[in-house]
Amino acid sequence: MEVWGQPFTVKVVDGNIDSAIKLWKRKIKESRKLEMLRERKEFIKPSVKKRKKLQQTMRTVRFKK
């Protein structure tokens, strides 16, 4: 039995659906599909994106010193 999901398929071996679901979740997490969906959930203005990116770089520079 195969469980089809976009874009991944997972084979269920010997009726062990728990391990198949675990593998499917890992594949989805590694592909970063959920993160992209969460980012697209609401519109963020380009100026806000730029500001957040600048703030993040300032934090990393501050911690490197």
PDB file of N, CA and C in Angstrom:
ATOM      1  N   MET A   1       0.842  -1.184   0.000  1.00  0.00           N
ATOM      2  CA  MET A   1       0.000   0.000   0.000  1.00  0.00           C
ATOM      3  C   MET A   1       0.880   1.238   0.000  1.00  0.00           C
ATOM      4  N   GLU A   2       0.522   2.221  -0.796  1.00  0.00           N
ATOM      5  CA  GLU A   2       1.268   3.464  -0.853  1.00  0.00           C
ATOM      6  C   GLU A   2       0.351   4.613  -0.492  1.00  0.00           C
ATOM      7  N   VAL A   3       0.878   5.542   0.272  1.00  0.00           N
ATOM      8  CA  VAL A   3       0.136   6.746   0.628  1.00  0.00           C
ATOM      9  C   VAL A   3       0.708   7.876  -0.202  1.00  0.00           C
ATOM     10  N   TRP A   4      -0.113   8.456  -1.047  1.00  0.00           N
ATOM     11  CA  TRP A   4       0.344   9.526  -1.919  1.00  0.00           C
ATOM     12  C   TRP A   4       0.087  10.873  -1.280  1.00  0.00           C
ATOM     13  N   GLY A   5       1.096  11.703  -1.282  1.00  0.00           N
ATOM     14  CA  GLY A   5       0.954  13.060  -0.789  1.00  0.00           C
ATOM     15  C   GLY A   5       1.777  13.955  -1.685  1.00  0.00           C
ATOM     16  N   GLN A   6       1.430  15.198  -1.757  1.00  0.00           N
ATOM     17  CA  GLN A   6       2.190  16.048  -2.641  1.00  0.00           C
ATOM     18  C   GLN A   6       3.430  16.516  -1.960  1.00  0.00           C
ATOM     19  N   PRO A   7       4.578  16.365  -2.473  1.00  0.00           N
ATOM     20  CA  PRO A   7       4.990  15.623  -3.652  1.00  0.00           C
ATOM     21  C   PRO A   7       5.601  14.278  -3.288  1.00  0.00           C
ATOM     22  N   PHE A   8       5.364  13.759  -2.110  1.00  0.00           N
ATOM     23  CA  PHE A   8       6.064  12.581  -1.625  1.00  0.00           C
ATOM     24  C   PHE A   8       5.158  11.363  -1.547  1.00  0.00           C
ATOM     25  N   THR A   9       5.754  10.200  -1.735  1.00  0.00           N
ATOM     26  CA  THR A   9       5.052   8.950  -1.514  1.00  0.00           C
ATOM     27  C   THR A   9       5.801   8.183  -0.442  1.00  0.00           C
ATOM     28  N   VAL A  10       5.053   7.443   0.338  1.00  0.00           N
ATOM     29  CA  VAL A  10       5.639   6.644   1.407  1.00  0.00           C
ATOM     30  C   VAL A  10       5.047   5.246   1.312  1.00  0.00           C
ATOM     31  N   LYS A  11       5.888   4.246   1.369  1.00  0.00           N
ATOM     32  CA  LYS A  11       5.398   2.873   1.320  1.00  0.00           C
ATOM     33  C   LYS A  11       5.131   2.363   2.727  1.00  0.00           C
ATOM     34  N   VAL A  12       3.971   1.735   2.889  1.00  0.00           N
ATOM     35  CA  VAL A  12       3.606   1.124   4.157  1.00  0.00           C
ATOM     36  C   VAL A  12       4.026  -0.342   4.080  1.00  0.00           C
ATOM     37  N   VAL A  13       4.953  -0.733   4.949  1.00  0.00           N
ATOM     38  CA  VAL A  13       5.492  -2.090   4.928  1.00  0.00           C
ATOM     39  C   VAL A  13       4.843  -2.892   6.050  1.00  0.00           C
ATOM     40  N   ASP A  14       4.291  -4.039   5.698  1.00  0.00           N
ATOM     41  CA  ASP A  14       3.671  -4.964   6.648  1.00  0.00           C
ATOM     42  C   ASP A  14       2.578  -4.304   7.492  1.00  0.00           C
ATOM     43  N   GLY A  15       1.865  -3.359   6.917  1.00  0.00           N
ATOM     44  CA  GLY A  15       0.775  -2.707   7.629  1.00  0.00           C
ATOM     45  C   GLY A  15       1.214  -1.787   8.753  1.00  0.00           C
ATOM     46  N   ASN A  16       2.500  -1.477   8.813  1.00  0.00           N
ATOM     47  CA  ASN A  16       3.024  -0.609   9.869  1.00  0.00           C
ATOM     48  C   ASN A  16       2.861   0.854   9.439  1.00  0.00           C
ATOM     49  N   ILE A  17       1.695   1.399   9.716  1.00  0.00           N
ATOM     50  CA  ILE A  17       1.394   2.755   9.265  1.00  0.00           C
ATOM     51  C   ILE A  17       2.078   3.816  10.126  1.00  0.00           C
ATOM     52  N   ASP A  18       2.386   3.485  11.375  1.00  0.00           N
ATOM     53  CA  ASP A  18       3.040   4.464  12.256  1.00  0.00           C
ATOM     54  C   ASP A  18       4.406   4.879  11.723  1.00  0.00           C
ATOM     55  N   SER A  19       5.197   3.907  11.298  1.00  0.00           N
ATOM     56  CA  SER A  19       6.525   4.246  10.774  1.00  0.00           C
ATOM     57  C   SER A  19       6.411   4.975   9.444  1.00  0.00           C
ATOM     58  N   ALA A  20       5.385   4.653   8.645  1.00  0.00           N
ATOM     59  CA  ALA A  20       5.187   5.344   7.376  1.00  0.00           C
ATOM     60  C   ALA A  20       4.813   6.809   7.612  1.00  0.00           C
ATOM     61  N   ILE A  21       3.952   7.066   8.591  1.00  0.00           N
ATOM     62  CA  ILE A  21       3.575   8.447   8.907  1.00  0.00           C
ATOM     63  C   ILE A  21       4.782   9.218   9.431  1.00  0.00           C
ATOM     64  N   LYS A  22       5.600   8.566  10.247  1.00  0.00           N
ATOM     65  CA  LYS A  22       6.800   9.206  10.789  1.00  0.00           C
ATOM     66  C   LYS A  22       7.755   9.586   9.657  1.00  0.00           C
ATOM     67  N   LEU A  23       7.928   8.672   8.699  1.00  0.00           N
ATOM     68  CA  LEU A  23       8.805   8.943   7.561  1.00  0.00           C
ATOM     69  C   LEU A  23       8.247  10.073   6.706  1.00  0.00           C
ATOM     70  N   TRP A  24       6.920  10.066   6.475  1.00  0.00           N
ATOM     71  CA  TRP A  24       6.287  11.098   5.669  1.00  0.00           C
ATOM     72  C   TRP A  24       6.455  12.466   6.326  1.00  0.00           C
ATOM     73  N   LYS A  25       6.257  12.542   7.647  1.00  0.00           N
ATOM     74  CA  LYS A  25       6.422  13.807   8.366  1.00  0.00           C
ATOM     75  C   LYS A  25       7.858  14.313   8.260  1.00  0.00           C
ATOM     76  N   ARG A  26       8.826  13.391   8.352  1.00  0.00           N
ATOM     77  CA  ARG A  26      10.231  13.787   8.243  1.00  0.00           C
ATOM     78  C   ARG A  26      10.529  14.335   6.850  1.00  0.00           C
ATOM     79  N   LYS A  27       9.991  13.697   5.815  1.00  0.00           N
ATOM     80  CA  LYS A  27      10.214  14.171   4.448  1.00  0.00           C
ATOM     81  C   LYS A  27       9.613  15.561   4.249  1.00  0.00           C
ATOM     82  N   ILE A  28       8.415  15.771   4.787  1.00  0.00           N
ATOM     83  CA  ILE A  28       7.775  17.080   4.662  1.00  0.00           C
ATOM     84  C   ILE A  28       8.587  18.137   5.398  1.00  0.00           C
ATOM     85  N   LYS A  29       9.083  17.808   6.590  1.00  0.00           N
ATOM     86  CA  LYS A  29       9.857  18.766   7.379  1.00  0.00           C
ATOM     87  C   LYS A  29      11.167  19.127   6.674  1.00  0.00           C
ATOM     88  N   GLU A  30      11.834  18.129   6.101  1.00  0.00           N
ATOM     89  CA  GLU A  30      13.096  18.390   5.424  1.00  0.00           C
ATOM     90  C   GLU A  30      12.901  19.196   4.150  1.00  0.00           C
ATOM     91  N   SER A  31      11.747  19.088   3.517  1.00  0.00           N
ATOM     92  CA  SER A  31      11.505  19.830   2.285  1.00  0.00           C
ATOM     93  C   SER A  31      11.114  21.285   2.561  1.00  0.00           C
ATOM     94  N   ARG A  32      10.800  21.606   3.820  1.00  0.00           N
ATOM     95  CA  ARG A  32      10.444  22.953   4.262  1.00  0.00           C
ATOM     96  C   ARG A  32       9.150  23.462   3.631  1.00  0.00           C
ATOM     97  N   LYS A  33       8.263  22.551   3.239  1.00  0.00           N
ATOM     98  CA  LYS A  33       6.982  22.944   2.642  1.00  0.00           C
ATOM     99  C   LYS A  33       6.089  23.651   3.667  1.00  0.00           C
ATOM    100  N   LEU A  34       6.046  23.144   4.894  1.00  0.00           N
ATOM    101  CA  LEU A  34       5.188  23.755   5.909  1.00  0.00           C
ATOM    102  C   LEU A  34       5.657  25.158   6.268  1.00  0.00           C
ATOM    103  N   GLU A  35       6.973  25.347   6.328  1.00  0.00           N
ATOM    104  CA  GLU A  35       7.495  26.673   6.634  1.00  0.00           C
ATOM    105  C   GLU A  35       7.101  27.677   5.550  1.00  0.00           C
ATOM    106  N   MET A  36       7.169  27.242   4.296  1.00  0.00           N
ATOM    107  CA  MET A  36       6.800  28.134   3.203  1.00  0.00           C
ATOM    108  C   MET A  36       5.313  28.467   3.262  1.00  0.00           C
ATOM    109  N   LEU A  37       4.478  27.493   3.603  1.00  0.00           N
ATOM    110  CA  LEU A  37       3.050  27.756   3.718  1.00  0.00           C
ATOM    111  C   LEU A  37       2.755  28.733   4.848  1.00  0.00           C
ATOM    112  N   ARG A  38       3.454  28.585   5.966  1.00  0.00           N
ATOM    113  CA  ARG A  38       3.238  29.499   7.082  1.00  0.00           C
ATOM    114  C   ARG A  38       3.686  30.915   6.736  1.00  0.00           C
ATOM    115  N   GLU A  39       4.772  31.020   5.956  1.00  0.00           N
ATOM    116  CA  GLU A  39       5.240  32.349   5.556  1.00  0.00           C
ATOM    117  C   GLU A  39       4.243  33.019   4.623  1.00  0.00           C
ATOM    118  N   ARG A  40       3.603  32.244   3.767  1.00  0.00           N
ATOM    119  CA  ARG A  40       2.662  32.801   2.797  1.00  0.00           C
ATOM    120  C   ARG A  40       1.265  32.990   3.366  1.00  0.00           C
ATOM    121  N   LYS A  41       1.070  32.649   4.607  1.00  0.00           N
ATOM    122  CA  LYS A  41      -0.249  32.742   5.206  1.00  0.00           C
ATOM    123  C   LYS A  41      -0.762  34.181   5.214  1.00  0.00           C
ATOM    124  N   GLU A  42       0.140  35.112   5.421  1.00  0.00           N
ATOM    125  CA  GLU A  42      -0.249  36.520   5.391  1.00  0.00           C
ATOM    126  C   GLU A  42       0.816  37.310   4.647  1.00  0.00           C
ATOM    127  N   PHE A  43       0.409  38.406   4.058  1.00  0.00           N
ATOM    128  CA  PHE A  43       1.325  39.235   3.289  1.00  0.00           C
ATOM    129  C   PHE A  43       2.185  40.078   4.221  1.00  0.00           C
ATOM    130  N   ILE A  44       3.480  40.093   3.938  1.00  0.00           N
ATOM    131  CA  ILE A  44       4.411  40.927   4.696  1.00  0.00           C
ATOM    132  C   ILE A  44       5.043  41.907   3.716  1.00  0.00           C
ATOM    133  N   LYS A  45       4.943  43.178   4.056  1.00  0.00           N
ATOM    134  CA  LYS A  45       5.466  44.204   3.170  1.00  0.00           C
ATOM    135  C   LYS A  45       6.977  44.047   3.011  1.00  0.00           C
ATOM    136  N   PRO A  46       7.504  44.382   1.830  1.00  0.00           N
ATOM    137  CA  PRO A  46       8.944  44.267   1.608  1.00  0.00           C
ATOM    138  C   PRO A  46       9.771  45.095   2.592  1.00  0.00           C
ATOM    139  N   SER A  47       9.258  46.257   3.003  1.00  0.00           N
ATOM    140  CA  SER A  47      10.009  47.089   3.952  1.00  0.00           C
ATOM    141  C   SER A  47      10.117  46.394   5.314  1.00  0.00           C
ATOM    142  N   VAL A  48       9.065  45.670   5.706  1.00  0.00           N
ATOM    143  CA  VAL A  48       9.089  44.953   6.985  1.00  0.00           C
ATOM    144  C   VAL A  48      10.067  43.783   6.898  1.00  0.00           C
ATOM    145  N   LYS A  49      10.078  43.089   5.763  1.00  0.00           N
ATOM    146  CA  LYS A  49      11.034  41.993   5.566  1.00  0.00           C
ATOM    147  C   LYS A  49      12.467  42.512   5.658  1.00  0.00           C
ATOM    148  N   LYS A  50      12.696  43.649   5.011  1.00  0.00           N
ATOM    149  CA  LYS A  50      14.032  44.244   5.013  1.00  0.00           C
ATOM    150  C   LYS A  50      14.443  44.638   6.430  1.00  0.00           C
ATOM    151  N   ARG A  51      13.515  45.220   7.172  1.00  0.00           N
ATOM    152  CA  ARG A  51      13.797  45.634   8.550  1.00  0.00           C
ATOM    153  C   ARG A  51      14.119  44.434   9.435  1.00  0.00           C
ATOM    154  N   LYS A  52      13.334  43.358   9.315  1.00  0.00           N
ATOM    155  CA  LYS A  52      13.581  42.169  10.119  1.00  0.00           C
ATOM    156  C   LYS A  52      14.924  41.529   9.766  1.00  0.00           C
ATOM    157  N   LYS A  53      15.252  41.521   8.479  1.00  0.00           N
ATOM    158  CA  LYS A  53      16.529  40.958   8.060  1.00  0.00           C
ATOM    159  C   LYS A  53      17.686  41.781   8.625  1.00  0.00           C
ATOM    160  N   LEU A  54      17.558  43.093   8.606  1.00  0.00           N
ATOM    161  CA  LEU A  54      18.585  43.972   9.149  1.00  0.00           C
ATOM    162  C   LEU A  54      18.731  43.767  10.656  1.00  0.00           C
ATOM    163  N   GLN A  55      17.615  43.644  11.357  1.00  0.00           N
ATOM    164  CA  GLN A  55      17.663  43.411  12.801  1.00  0.00           C
ATOM    165  C   GLN A  55      18.341  42.075  13.116  1.00  0.00           C
ATOM    166  N   GLN A  56      18.048  41.053  12.318  1.00  0.00           N
ATOM    167  CA  GLN A  56      18.661  39.745  12.532  1.00  0.00           C
ATOM    168  C   GLN A  56      20.168  39.800  12.308  1.00  0.00           C
ATOM    169  N   THR A  57      20.615  40.504  11.281  1.00  0.00           N
ATOM    170  CA  THR A  57      22.056  40.615  11.049  1.00  0.00           C
ATOM    171  C   THR A  57      22.734  41.411  12.160  1.00  0.00           C
ATOM    172  N   MET A  58      22.053  42.416  12.671  1.00  0.00           N
ATOM    173  CA  MET A  58      22.630  43.180  13.780  1.00  0.00           C
ATOM    174  C   MET A  58      22.790  42.297  15.014  1.00  0.00           C
ATOM    175  N   ARG A  59      21.821  41.417  15.266  1.00  0.00           N
ATOM    176  CA  ARG A  59      21.924  40.501  16.402  1.00  0.00           C
ATOM    177  C   ARG A  59      23.109  39.548  16.226  1.00  0.00           C
ATOM    178  N   THR A  60      23.268  39.012  15.032  1.00  0.00           N
ATOM    179  CA  THR A  60      24.351  38.059  14.812  1.00  0.00           C
ATOM    180  C   THR A  60      25.715  38.741  14.920  1.00  0.00           C
ATOM    181  N   VAL A  61      25.794  39.985  14.449  1.00  0.00           N
ATOM    182  CA  VAL A  61      27.064  40.722  14.548  1.00  0.00           C
ATOM    183  C   VAL A  61      27.369  41.010  16.014  1.00  0.00           C
ATOM    184  N   ARG A  62      26.361  41.370  16.776  1.00  0.00           N
ATOM    185  CA  ARG A  62      26.550  41.683  18.188  1.00  0.00           C
ATOM    186  C   ARG A  62      27.044  40.456  18.963  1.00  0.00           C
ATOM    187  N   PHE A  63      26.499  39.269  18.640  1.00  0.00           N
ATOM    188  CA  PHE A  63      26.903  38.055  19.346  1.00  0.00           C
ATOM    189  C   PHE A  63      28.268  37.543  18.914  1.00  0.00           C
ATOM    190  N   LYS A  64      28.720  37.895  17.727  1.00  0.00           N
ATOM    191  CA  LYS A  64      30.030  37.435  17.258  1.00  0.00           C
ATOM    192  C   LYS A  64      31.180  38.174  17.923  1.00  0.00           C
ATOM    193  N   LYS A  65      30.905  39.376  18.438  1.00  0.00           N
ATOM    194  CA  LYS A  65      31.980  40.163  19.053  1.00  0.00           C
ATOM    195  C   LYS A  65      32.448  39.592  20.325  1.00  0.00           C
TER     196      LYS A  65
END
